[in-house]
Amino acid sequence: MPSQTQVYASNDFSEHEAQDHFAQQFDLANPDAARDSYQRIMHQHTKQQFEMATTSSRRRSSGGDSRMASLSSEKSNGSISSTSS
């Protein structure tokens, strides 16, 4: 019985398309650099998600005050390794 490859596809998303896109964006010949670049992008994305959640939480807990809390203009210059103590 030959093995069949199954591909996840849902709402205009295909696993193969995601793999092709990744290969176009990152140098697969240099996996360490590709990983580091991807890690930086995901760190920035996660940071933005936390900032949006914090702002939303502040608005909800402000007791009806419709003023928006301002975000600081801090920049992230690095990341913390999950293996560091």
Protein backbone atom coordinates (compact mmCIF):
# COMPACT_ATOMS: atom_id res chain seq x y z
CA MET A 1 0.00 0.00 0.00
CA PRO A 2 1.65 3.28 -1.08
CA SER A 3 1.93 6.01 1.50
CA GLN A 4 -0.10 9.14 0.92
CA THR A 5 0.94 12.64 1.86
CA GLN A 6 -1.80 14.64 3.51
CA VAL A 7 -1.80 18.41 3.29
CA TYR A 8 -3.68 20.69 5.66
CA ALA A 9 -5.73 23.23 3.71
CA SER A 10 -8.32 25.60 5.11
CA ASN A 11 -9.69 29.00 4.08
CA ASP A 12 -7.10 29.79 1.39
CA PHE A 13 -4.26 28.39 3.53
CA SER A 14 -2.20 25.45 2.42
CA GLU A 15 0.67 23.87 4.32
CA HIS A 16 2.71 23.67 1.11
CA GLU A 17 2.16 27.37 0.42
CA ALA A 18 3.38 28.21 3.91
CA GLN A 19 6.49 26.08 3.39
CA ASP A 20 7.17 27.74 0.03
CA HIS A 21 6.70 31.20 1.53
CA PHE A 22 9.11 30.39 4.37
CA ALA A 23 11.72 29.17 1.90
CA GLN A 24 11.37 32.41 -0.08
CA GLN A 25 11.73 34.63 3.00
CA PHE A 26 14.58 32.86 4.76
CA ASP A 27 17.92 31.42 3.62
CA LEU A 28 17.53 27.69 4.14
CA ALA A 29 21.20 27.19 3.26
CA ASN A 30 22.00 28.98 6.53
CA PRO A 31 19.56 27.50 9.08
CA ASP A 32 21.03 29.36 12.08
CA ALA A 33 20.53 32.75 10.42
CA ALA A 34 17.05 31.72 9.22
CA ARG A 35 16.09 30.65 12.74
CA ASP A 36 17.45 33.86 14.29
CA SER A 37 15.62 36.03 11.77
CA TYR A 38 12.35 34.15 12.29
CA GLN A 39 12.82 34.36 16.06
CA ARG A 40 13.23 38.16 15.88
CA ILE A 41 10.10 38.51 13.77
CA MET A 42 8.05 36.35 16.16
CA HIS A 43 9.43 38.24 19.18
CA GLN A 44 8.26 41.55 17.67
CA HIS A 45 4.87 40.05 16.79
CA THR A 46 4.39 38.68 20.32
CA LYS A 47 5.46 42.01 21.83
CA GLN A 48 2.87 43.83 19.70
CA GLN A 49 0.17 41.35 20.74
CA PHE A 50 0.96 41.88 24.44
CA GLU A 51 0.95 45.68 24.00
CA MET A 52 -2.46 45.56 22.32
CA ALA A 53 -3.84 43.26 25.02
CA THR A 54 -2.46 45.52 27.76
CA THR A 55 -3.97 48.62 26.17
CA SER A 56 -7.32 46.87 25.78
CA SER A 57 -7.22 45.68 29.38
CA ARG A 58 -6.46 49.21 30.61
CA ARG A 59 -9.41 50.60 28.67
CA ARG A 60 -11.75 47.95 30.10
CA SER A 61 -10.56 48.47 33.67
CA SER A 62 -10.58 52.27 33.55
CA GLY A 63 -14.11 52.44 34.97
CA GLY A 64 -15.82 53.91 31.93
CA ASP A 65 -13.17 56.49 31.20
CA SER A 66 -13.00 56.72 27.41
CA ARG A 67 -9.47 58.15 27.28
CA MET A 68 -6.92 55.83 25.74
CA ALA A 69 -3.75 54.99 27.62
CA SER A 70 -0.62 55.96 25.73
CA LEU A 71 2.09 53.44 25.02
CA SER A 72 5.69 54.18 25.80
CA SER A 73 8.08 54.52 22.89
CA GLU A 74 10.49 51.89 24.20
CA LYS A 75 12.25 49.77 21.65
CA SER A 76 13.29 46.18 22.07
CA ASN A 77 16.97 45.71 21.35
CA GLY A 78 17.11 41.99 21.91
CA SER A 79 15.35 39.01 23.30
CA ILE A 80 15.73 36.76 26.28
CA SER A 81 16.50 33.14 25.65
CA SER A 82 14.05 30.69 27.14
CA THR A 83 16.98 28.57 28.22
CA SER A 84 18.59 31.35 30.28
CA SER A 85 18.27 31.27 34.05
